[in-house]
Amino acid sequence: MIDFAFIEIIKKLDIKKGDILLVSSNVSKLLWYLYKKENTKDLNLIINYLQDIVSSSGTLLFPTFNWDFCNGIAFNYFKTPSKTGALSTLALKRSDFKRTKHPIYSFAVWGKHQDYLYGLDNKESFGPDSPFGFLYKEHGKNLLIDIDYQKSLTFTHFVEESIGVIYRFKKLFLASYIDEKSNCTEKEFSMYVRNLDLNTENNINPIGDILQKKGFAKKTTVNDISFIVVDLFYAFEIIKNDIVFNNSRNLVIYDGQ
């Protein structure tokens, strides 16, 4: 059972039944809070509660990203670990979640759209046929638990690829791919990567401030733990405009000739 304060947090953030919710998190403080309040360190309580909130008419996603494929290391659908936090690692272990199939940007998914997302065969990390494209089209929300925009709003890269930016380019990666049936083949996937010959630096946090001022993101803090929810559909235009007008990025400067 989750303590009452956490229930009130979710209500303030307007997370409700039927929502499509992507959860990005740093749960170190939350884990300690759980231990003090509930005498447990079982993070399944958090996942279970979020499932109860969005219900089976909604969808819950956890990022299970791993960039080893970019270094030629084989992706194993069942064995390649998540490098994006404890909740994501836990979701991968649960039988009620399915992992999407992109070897770099995969997600553990539960709920109404689980089979649709599992069935995606996107080769691009941030293309319109990716889970990021789905989150945009279906008005998904991104819940950030004790983590700032800079470290969690990966959706920004979807916006960058959608409009095209001069400081990134599409790069192909080829490595072994072991699928959910244990078949091993060589597969190629792409990622919209930063051009290292350009001197650029992104700072996403100011975009978060704009989102909150315009009402497209809500934030509350309880016991020094921050909770933010972002409406990704409306965030798209805000992020797009910020990119176009270079508000959160250094001017692009060529290091070479």
C-alpha atoms as a PDB file:
ATOM      1  CA  MET A   1       0.000   0.000   0.000  1.00  0.00           C
ATOM      2  CA  ILE A   2       1.307   3.451  -0.963  1.00  0.00           C
ATOM      3  CA  ASP A   3       1.395   6.235   1.587  1.00  0.00           C
ATOM      4  CA  PHE A   4      -1.249   8.982   1.213  1.00  0.00           C
ATOM      5  CA  ALA A   5       1.269  11.706   0.309  1.00  0.00           C
ATOM      6  CA  PHE A   6       2.255   9.896  -2.892  1.00  0.00           C
ATOM      7  CA  ILE A   7      -1.398   9.602  -3.911  1.00  0.00           C
ATOM      8  CA  GLU A   8      -1.812  13.355  -3.453  1.00  0.00           C
ATOM      9  CA  ILE A   9       1.273  13.983  -5.609  1.00  0.00           C
ATOM     10  CA  ILE A  10      -0.227  12.073  -8.517  1.00  0.00           C
ATOM     11  CA  LYS A  11      -3.519  13.944  -8.157  1.00  0.00           C
ATOM     12  CA  LYS A  12      -1.716  17.308  -8.281  1.00  0.00           C
ATOM     13  CA  LEU A  13       0.040  16.261 -11.475  1.00  0.00           C
ATOM     14  CA  ASP A  14      -3.262  15.281 -13.128  1.00  0.00           C
ATOM     15  CA  ILE A  15      -2.210  11.735 -13.987  1.00  0.00           C
ATOM     16  CA  LYS A  16      -5.392   9.769 -14.543  1.00  0.00           C
ATOM     17  CA  LYS A  17      -7.103   6.706 -15.920  1.00  0.00           C
ATOM     18  CA  GLY A  18      -6.405   6.110 -19.612  1.00  0.00           C
ATOM     19  CA  ASP A  19      -3.189   8.147 -19.706  1.00  0.00           C
ATOM     20  CA  ILE A  20      -0.183   7.059 -21.755  1.00  0.00           C
ATOM     21  CA  LEU A  21       2.609   7.633 -19.258  1.00  0.00           C
ATOM     22  CA  LEU A  22       6.371   7.433 -19.796  1.00  0.00           C
ATOM     23  CA  VAL A  23       8.232   7.317 -16.460  1.00  0.00           C
ATOM     24  CA  SER A  24      11.790   8.693 -16.168  1.00  0.00           C
ATOM     25  CA  SER A  25      13.293   8.507 -12.710  1.00  0.00           C
ATOM     26  CA  ASN A  26      16.045   8.678 -10.164  1.00  0.00           C
ATOM     27  CA  VAL A  27      14.569   6.768  -7.233  1.00  0.00           C
ATOM     28  CA  SER A  28      17.348   6.956  -4.649  1.00  0.00           C
ATOM     29  CA  LYS A  29      15.450   9.466  -2.470  1.00  0.00           C
ATOM     30  CA  LEU A  30      12.117   7.797  -3.178  1.00  0.00           C
ATOM     31  CA  LEU A  31      13.508   4.445  -2.085  1.00  0.00           C
ATOM     32  CA  TRP A  32      14.589   5.931   1.234  1.00  0.00           C
ATOM     33  CA  TYR A  33      11.189   7.595   1.601  1.00  0.00           C
ATOM     34  CA  LEU A  34       9.468   4.239   0.998  1.00  0.00           C
ATOM     35  CA  TYR A  35      11.630   2.605   3.612  1.00  0.00           C
ATOM     36  CA  LYS A  36      10.848   5.251   6.230  1.00  0.00           C
ATOM     37  CA  LYS A  37       7.113   5.447   5.501  1.00  0.00           C
ATOM     38  CA  GLU A  38       6.247   1.904   4.421  1.00  0.00           C
ATOM     39  CA  ASN A  39       9.127  -0.087   5.937  1.00  0.00           C
ATOM     40  CA  THR A  40       9.924  -1.562   2.530  1.00  0.00           C
ATOM     41  CA  LYS A  41      12.348  -1.034  -0.333  1.00  0.00           C
ATOM     42  CA  ASP A  42      10.144  -2.816  -2.858  1.00  0.00           C
ATOM     43  CA  LEU A  43       9.832  -0.473  -5.847  1.00  0.00           C
ATOM     44  CA  ASN A  44       7.113  -2.724  -7.250  1.00  0.00           C
ATOM     45  CA  LEU A  45       4.812  -0.646  -5.056  1.00  0.00           C
ATOM     46  CA  ILE A  46       5.500   2.394  -7.237  1.00  0.00           C
ATOM     47  CA  ILE A  47       4.962   0.498 -10.493  1.00  0.00           C
ATOM     48  CA  ASN A  48       1.805  -1.161  -9.171  1.00  0.00           C
ATOM     49  CA  TYR A  49       0.374   2.160  -8.036  1.00  0.00           C
ATOM     50  CA  LEU A  50       1.038   3.816 -11.394  1.00  0.00           C
ATOM     51  CA  GLN A  51      -0.673   0.864 -13.084  1.00  0.00           C
ATOM     52  CA  ASP A  52      -3.689   1.370 -10.825  1.00  0.00           C
ATOM     53  CA  ILE A  53      -3.819   5.060 -11.738  1.00  0.00           C
ATOM     54  CA  VAL A  54      -3.638   4.746 -15.551  1.00  0.00           C
ATOM     55  CA  SER A  55      -5.546   1.411 -15.465  1.00  0.00           C
ATOM     56  CA  SER A  56      -5.677  -1.161 -18.246  1.00  0.00           C
ATOM     57  CA  SER A  57      -7.210   1.508 -20.492  1.00  0.00           C
ATOM     58  CA  GLY A  58      -3.927   3.414 -20.257  1.00  0.00           C
ATOM     59  CA  THR A  59      -0.320   2.545 -21.019  1.00  0.00           C
ATOM     60  CA  LEU A  60       2.788   2.656 -18.848  1.00  0.00           C
ATOM     61  CA  LEU A  61       6.294   2.878 -20.337  1.00  0.00           C
ATOM     62  CA  PHE A  62       9.742   2.782 -18.732  1.00  0.00           C
ATOM     63  CA  PRO A  63      12.870   3.612 -20.778  1.00  0.00           C
ATOM     64  CA  THR A  64      15.189   0.605 -21.013  1.00  0.00           C
ATOM     65  CA  PHE A  65      17.879   2.289 -23.105  1.00  0.00           C
ATOM     66  CA  ASN A  66      21.278   0.715 -23.702  1.00  0.00           C
ATOM     67  CA  TRP A  67      23.914   2.164 -26.052  1.00  0.00           C
ATOM     68  CA  ASP A  68      26.238  -0.875 -26.284  1.00  0.00           C
ATOM     69  CA  PHE A  69      24.883  -1.712 -29.761  1.00  0.00           C
ATOM     70  CA  CYS A  70      26.549   1.496 -30.989  1.00  0.00           C
ATOM     71  CA  ASN A  71      29.900  -0.054 -30.025  1.00  0.00           C
ATOM     72  CA  GLY A  72      29.262  -3.275 -31.942  1.00  0.00           C
ATOM     73  CA  ILE A  73      28.125  -5.246 -28.887  1.00  0.00           C
ATOM     74  CA  ALA A  74      25.304  -7.691 -29.562  1.00  0.00           C
ATOM     75  CA  PHE A  75      21.806  -6.827 -28.378  1.00  0.00           C
ATOM     76  CA  ASN A  76      19.986  -9.649 -26.613  1.00  0.00           C
ATOM     77  CA  TYR A  77      16.259  -9.010 -26.286  1.00  0.00           C
ATOM     78  CA  PHE A  78      16.020 -10.721 -22.898  1.00  0.00           C
ATOM     79  CA  LYS A  79      19.519 -10.215 -21.493  1.00  0.00           C
ATOM     80  CA  THR A  80      20.685  -6.740 -22.522  1.00  0.00           C
ATOM     81  CA  PRO A  81      20.151  -4.642 -19.369  1.00  0.00           C
ATOM     82  CA  SER A  82      18.586  -1.233 -19.046  1.00  0.00           C
ATOM     83  CA  LYS A  83      21.012   1.596 -18.309  1.00  0.00           C
ATOM     84  CA  THR A  84      18.266   4.017 -17.342  1.00  0.00           C
ATOM     85  CA  GLY A  85      17.497   3.376 -13.700  1.00  0.00           C
ATOM     86  CA  ALA A  86      16.162   1.001 -11.092  1.00  0.00           C
ATOM     87  CA  LEU A  87      12.470   1.249 -12.035  1.00  0.00           C
ATOM     88  CA  SER A  88      13.289   0.415 -15.658  1.00  0.00           C
ATOM     89  CA  THR A  89      15.437  -2.532 -14.603  1.00  0.00           C
ATOM     90  CA  LEU A  90      12.625  -3.806 -12.396  1.00  0.00           C
ATOM     91  CA  ALA A  91       9.992  -3.403 -15.121  1.00  0.00           C
ATOM     92  CA  LEU A  92      12.133  -5.508 -17.480  1.00  0.00           C
ATOM     93  CA  LYS A  93      12.064  -8.357 -14.961  1.00  0.00           C
ATOM     94  CA  ARG A  94       8.280  -8.359 -14.598  1.00  0.00           C
ATOM     95  CA  SER A  95       6.159 -10.773 -16.616  1.00  0.00           C
ATOM     96  CA  ASP A  96       3.396  -8.190 -17.138  1.00  0.00           C
ATOM     97  CA  PHE A  97       5.718  -5.906 -19.151  1.00  0.00           C
ATOM     98  CA  LYS A  98       6.985  -6.410 -22.710  1.00  0.00           C
ATOM     99  CA  ARG A  99      10.095  -4.809 -24.157  1.00  0.00           C
ATOM    100  CA  THR A 100      10.000  -2.967 -27.467  1.00  0.00           C
ATOM    101  CA  LYS A 101      12.521  -4.121 -30.038  1.00  0.00           C
ATOM    102  CA  HIS A 102      14.896  -1.282 -30.898  1.00  0.00           C
ATOM    103  CA  PRO A 103      18.334  -2.293 -29.536  1.00  0.00           C
ATOM    104  CA  ILE A 104      19.312   1.220 -28.412  1.00  0.00           C
ATOM    105  CA  TYR A 105      16.082   2.969 -27.417  1.00  0.00           C
ATOM    106  CA  SER A 106      13.750   0.270 -26.126  1.00  0.00           C
ATOM    107  CA  PHE A 107      10.953   0.556 -23.559  1.00  0.00           C
ATOM    108  CA  ALA A 108       9.309  -1.791 -21.061  1.00  0.00           C
ATOM    109  CA  VAL A 109       5.570  -1.428 -21.738  1.00  0.00           C
ATOM    110  CA  TRP A 110       2.364  -2.392 -19.941  1.00  0.00           C
ATOM    111  CA  GLY A 111      -1.286  -1.665 -20.680  1.00  0.00           C
ATOM    112  CA  LYS A 112      -3.625  -0.984 -23.576  1.00  0.00           C
ATOM    113  CA  HIS A 113      -1.004  -0.274 -26.251  1.00  0.00           C
ATOM    114  CA  GLN A 114       1.474  -2.932 -25.153  1.00  0.00           C
ATOM    115  CA  ASP A 115       1.006  -5.176 -28.197  1.00  0.00           C
ATOM    116  CA  TYR A 116       1.102  -2.249 -30.622  1.00  0.00           C
ATOM    117  CA  LEU A 117       4.366  -0.927 -29.220  1.00  0.00           C
ATOM    118  CA  TYR A 118       5.870  -4.417 -28.983  1.00  0.00           C
ATOM    119  CA  GLY A 119       5.017  -4.929 -32.660  1.00  0.00           C
ATOM    120  CA  LEU A 120       6.881  -1.834 -33.861  1.00  0.00           C
ATOM    121  CA  ASP A 121       9.829  -2.533 -36.152  1.00  0.00           C
ATOM    122  CA  ASN A 122      11.359   0.931 -36.254  1.00  0.00           C
ATOM    123  CA  LYS A 123      14.937   1.145 -37.510  1.00  0.00           C
ATOM    124  CA  GLU A 124      15.331   4.799 -36.562  1.00  0.00           C
ATOM    125  CA  SER A 125      15.688   5.706 -32.910  1.00  0.00           C
ATOM    126  CA  PHE A 126      13.560   8.850 -33.115  1.00  0.00           C
ATOM    127  CA  GLY A 127      11.532   8.437 -36.296  1.00  0.00           C
ATOM    128  CA  PRO A 128       7.758   8.910 -36.632  1.00  0.00           C
ATOM    129  CA  ASP A 129       7.272   5.121 -36.414  1.00  0.00           C
ATOM    130  CA  SER A 130       9.178   4.908 -33.103  1.00  0.00           C
ATOM    131  CA  PRO A 131       7.676   4.866 -29.597  1.00  0.00           C
ATOM    132  CA  PHE A 132       8.603   8.562 -29.421  1.00  0.00           C
ATOM    133  CA  GLY A 133       6.407   9.195 -32.458  1.00  0.00           C
ATOM    134  CA  PHE A 134       3.627   7.247 -30.756  1.00  0.00           C
ATOM    135  CA  LEU A 135       3.956   9.316 -27.566  1.00  0.00           C
ATOM    136  CA  TYR A 136       3.672  12.499 -29.615  1.00  0.00           C
ATOM    137  CA  LYS A 137       0.674  11.445 -31.729  1.00  0.00           C
ATOM    138  CA  GLU A 138      -1.218   9.944 -28.799  1.00  0.00           C
ATOM    139  CA  HIS A 139      -0.658  12.873 -26.407  1.00  0.00           C
ATOM    140  CA  GLY A 140       1.544  10.865 -24.063  1.00  0.00           C
ATOM    141  CA  LYS A 141       2.831  12.291 -20.800  1.00  0.00           C
ATOM    142  CA  ASN A 142       6.329  12.048 -19.331  1.00  0.00           C
ATOM    143  CA  LEU A 143       6.563  11.710 -15.547  1.00  0.00           C
ATOM    144  CA  LEU A 144       9.966  12.790 -14.198  1.00  0.00           C
ATOM    145  CA  ILE A 145      10.643  11.528 -10.678  1.00  0.00           C
ATOM    146  CA  ASP A 146      13.469  13.441  -8.971  1.00  0.00           C
ATOM    147  CA  ILE A 147      15.321  14.010 -12.225  1.00  0.00           C
ATOM    148  CA  ASP A 148      15.666  17.201 -14.248  1.00  0.00           C
ATOM    149  CA  TYR A 149      14.753  17.829 -17.876  1.00  0.00           C
ATOM    150  CA  GLN A 150      18.388  17.778 -18.977  1.00  0.00           C
ATOM    151  CA  LYS A 151      18.853  14.161 -17.891  1.00  0.00           C
ATOM    152  CA  SER A 152      15.471  12.793 -18.837  1.00  0.00           C
ATOM    153  CA  LEU A 153      13.633  14.559 -21.688  1.00  0.00           C
ATOM    154  CA  THR A 154      14.876  12.254 -24.453  1.00  0.00           C
ATOM    155  CA  PHE A 155      11.784  13.299 -26.412  1.00  0.00           C
ATOM    156  CA  THR A 156      13.827  16.380 -27.379  1.00  0.00           C
ATOM    157  CA  HIS A 157      15.791  14.215 -29.834  1.00  0.00           C
ATOM    158  CA  PHE A 158      12.529  13.202 -31.520  1.00  0.00           C
ATOM    159  CA  VAL A 159      11.794  16.893 -32.060  1.00  0.00           C
ATOM    160  CA  GLU A 160      15.316  17.487 -33.382  1.00  0.00           C
ATOM    161  CA  GLU A 161      15.048  14.672 -35.921  1.00  0.00           C
ATOM    162  CA  SER A 162      11.521  15.708 -36.918  1.00  0.00           C
ATOM    163  CA  ILE A 163      12.576  19.229 -37.893  1.00  0.00           C
ATOM    164  CA  GLY A 164      16.220  18.532 -38.803  1.00  0.00           C
ATOM    165  CA  VAL A 165      19.134  20.265 -37.083  1.00  0.00           C
ATOM    166  CA  ILE A 166      22.633  21.051 -38.336  1.00  0.00           C
ATOM    167  CA  TYR A 167      24.388  19.783 -35.196  1.00  0.00           C
ATOM    168  CA  ARG A 168      23.148  16.175 -35.547  1.00  0.00           C
ATOM    169  CA  PHE A 169      23.113  13.604 -38.317  1.00  0.00           C
ATOM    170  CA  LYS A 170      21.705  10.126 -38.836  1.00  0.00           C
ATOM    171  CA  LYS A 171      24.297   7.421 -38.242  1.00  0.00           C
ATOM    172  CA  LEU A 172      23.905   3.700 -38.950  1.00  0.00           C
ATOM    173  CA  PHE A 173      25.042   1.030 -36.500  1.00  0.00           C
ATOM    174  CA  LEU A 174      25.473  -2.653 -37.369  1.00  0.00           C
ATOM    175  CA  ALA A 175      25.815  -5.457 -34.806  1.00  0.00           C
ATOM    176  CA  SER A 176      24.427  -8.850 -33.839  1.00  0.00           C
ATOM    177  CA  TYR A 177      20.790  -8.901 -32.753  1.00  0.00           C
ATOM    178  CA  ILE A 178      19.344 -11.762 -30.710  1.00  0.00           C
ATOM    179  CA  ASP A 179      15.556 -11.525 -30.849  1.00  0.00           C
ATOM    180  CA  GLU A 180      12.834 -12.783 -28.507  1.00  0.00           C
ATOM    181  CA  LYS A 181      12.958 -16.200 -30.225  1.00  0.00           C
ATOM    182  CA  SER A 182      16.745 -16.462 -29.707  1.00  0.00           C
ATOM    183  CA  ASN A 183      17.429 -15.987 -33.429  1.00  0.00           C
ATOM    184  CA  CYS A 184      20.749 -14.221 -34.019  1.00  0.00           C
ATOM    185  CA  THR A 185      21.208 -12.055 -37.124  1.00  0.00           C
ATOM    186  CA  GLU A 186      23.184  -8.991 -38.133  1.00  0.00           C
ATOM    187  CA  LYS A 187      20.921  -5.935 -38.073  1.00  0.00           C
ATOM    188  CA  GLU A 188      21.308  -2.253 -38.787  1.00  0.00           C
ATOM    189  CA  PHE A 189      19.674   0.562 -36.825  1.00  0.00           C
ATOM    190  CA  SER A 190      20.144   4.303 -36.860  1.00  0.00           C
ATOM    191  CA  MET A 191      20.487   7.043 -34.304  1.00  0.00           C
ATOM    192  CA  TYR A 192      20.415  10.824 -34.701  1.00  0.00           C
ATOM    193  CA  VAL A 193      23.854  11.543 -33.251  1.00  0.00           C
ATOM    194  CA  ARG A 194      25.673  14.733 -32.367  1.00  0.00           C
ATOM    195  CA  ASN A 195      28.221  16.078 -34.851  1.00  0.00           C
ATOM    196  CA  LEU A 196      31.387  16.115 -32.752  1.00  0.00           C
ATOM    197  CA  ASP A 197      33.078  18.470 -35.235  1.00  0.00           C
ATOM    198  CA  LEU A 198      30.699  21.186 -34.088  1.00  0.00           C
ATOM    199  CA  ASN A 199      31.050  22.975 -30.789  1.00  0.00           C
ATOM    200  CA  THR A 200      27.508  22.782 -29.422  1.00  0.00           C
ATOM    201  CA  GLU A 201      26.083  22.446 -25.969  1.00  0.00           C
ATOM    202  CA  ASN A 202      22.423  21.839 -25.138  1.00  0.00           C
ATOM    203  CA  ASN A 203      20.748  22.927 -21.938  1.00  0.00           C
ATOM    204  CA  ILE A 204      17.214  21.574 -21.794  1.00  0.00           C
ATOM    205  CA  ASN A 205      16.277  22.881 -18.346  1.00  0.00           C
ATOM    206  CA  PRO A 206      15.247  26.379 -19.576  1.00  0.00           C
ATOM    207  CA  ILE A 207      12.755  24.667 -21.897  1.00  0.00           C
ATOM    208  CA  GLY A 208      11.278  23.026 -18.821  1.00  0.00           C
ATOM    209  CA  ASP A 209      10.752  26.433 -17.241  1.00  0.00           C
ATOM    210  CA  ILE A 210       8.862  27.587 -20.347  1.00  0.00           C
ATOM    211  CA  LEU A 211       6.728  24.425 -20.350  1.00  0.00           C
ATOM    212  CA  GLN A 212       5.751  25.044 -16.740  1.00  0.00           C
ATOM    213  CA  LYS A 213       4.937  28.724 -17.331  1.00  0.00           C
ATOM    214  CA  LYS A 214       2.688  27.828 -20.271  1.00  0.00           C
ATOM    215  CA  GLY A 215       0.952  25.051 -18.332  1.00  0.00           C
ATOM    216  CA  PHE A 216       2.284  22.182 -20.450  1.00  0.00           C
ATOM    217  CA  ALA A 217       4.253  20.814 -17.497  1.00  0.00           C
ATOM    218  CA  LYS A 218       3.341  20.590 -13.827  1.00  0.00           C
ATOM    219  CA  LYS A 219       5.762  20.280 -10.940  1.00  0.00           C
ATOM    220  CA  THR A 220       5.451  19.533  -7.258  1.00  0.00           C
ATOM    221  CA  THR A 221       8.055  18.735  -4.628  1.00  0.00           C
ATOM    222  CA  VAL A 222       7.460  16.599  -1.536  1.00  0.00           C
ATOM    223  CA  ASN A 223      10.134  15.743   1.031  1.00  0.00           C
ATOM    224  CA  ASP A 224      12.797  17.141  -1.319  1.00  0.00           C
ATOM    225  CA  ILE A 225      11.666  14.782  -4.092  1.00  0.00           C
ATOM    226  CA  SER A 226      10.553  16.540  -7.285  1.00  0.00           C
ATOM    227  CA  PHE A 227       7.763  15.235  -9.499  1.00  0.00           C
ATOM    228  CA  ILE A 228       7.157  16.716 -12.950  1.00  0.00           C
ATOM    229  CA  VAL A 229       4.704  15.664 -15.632  1.00  0.00           C
ATOM    230  CA  VAL A 230       5.073  16.933 -19.217  1.00  0.00           C
ATOM    231  CA  ASP A 231       2.412  16.832 -21.928  1.00  0.00           C
ATOM    232  CA  LEU A 232       4.595  15.732 -24.844  1.00  0.00           C
ATOM    233  CA  PHE A 233       2.207  16.742 -27.621  1.00  0.00           C
ATOM    234  CA  TYR A 234       2.179  20.386 -26.552  1.00  0.00           C
ATOM    235  CA  ALA A 235       5.848  20.251 -25.567  1.00  0.00           C
ATOM    236  CA  PHE A 236       6.761  19.524 -29.200  1.00  0.00           C
ATOM    237  CA  GLU A 237       6.121  23.089 -30.415  1.00  0.00           C
ATOM    238  CA  ILE A 238       7.845  24.662 -27.406  1.00  0.00           C
ATOM    239  CA  ILE A 239      10.965  22.535 -27.922  1.00  0.00           C
ATOM    240  CA  LYS A 240      10.838  23.140 -31.683  1.00  0.00           C
ATOM    241  CA  ASN A 241      10.734  26.913 -31.242  1.00  0.00           C
ATOM    242  CA  ASP A 242      13.550  26.800 -28.724  1.00  0.00           C
ATOM    243  CA  ILE A 243      15.709  24.850 -31.181  1.00  0.00           C
ATOM    244  CA  VAL A 244      14.896  27.169 -34.089  1.00  0.00           C
ATOM    245  CA  PHE A 245      15.745  30.295 -32.101  1.00  0.00           C
ATOM    246  CA  ASN A 246      18.781  28.684 -30.439  1.00  0.00           C
ATOM    247  CA  ASN A 247      17.611  29.647 -26.953  1.00  0.00           C
ATOM    248  CA  SER A 248      19.073  26.748 -24.989  1.00  0.00           C
ATOM    249  CA  ARG A 249      22.122  25.965 -27.101  1.00  0.00           C
ATOM    250  CA  ASN A 250      25.424  27.610 -27.763  1.00  0.00           C
ATOM    251  CA  LEU A 251      25.807  28.985 -31.277  1.00  0.00           C
ATOM    252  CA  VAL A 252      27.075  26.277 -33.557  1.00  0.00           C
ATOM    253  CA  ILE A 253      30.779  26.817 -34.148  1.00  0.00           C
ATOM    254  CA  TYR A 254      32.925  24.655 -36.398  1.00  0.00           C
ATOM    255  CA  ASP A 255      36.030  23.375 -34.622  1.00  0.00           C
ATOM    256  CA  GLY A 256      37.673  22.612 -37.963  1.00  0.00           C
ATOM    257  CA  GLN A 257      38.049  24.611 -41.145  1.00  0.00           C
END
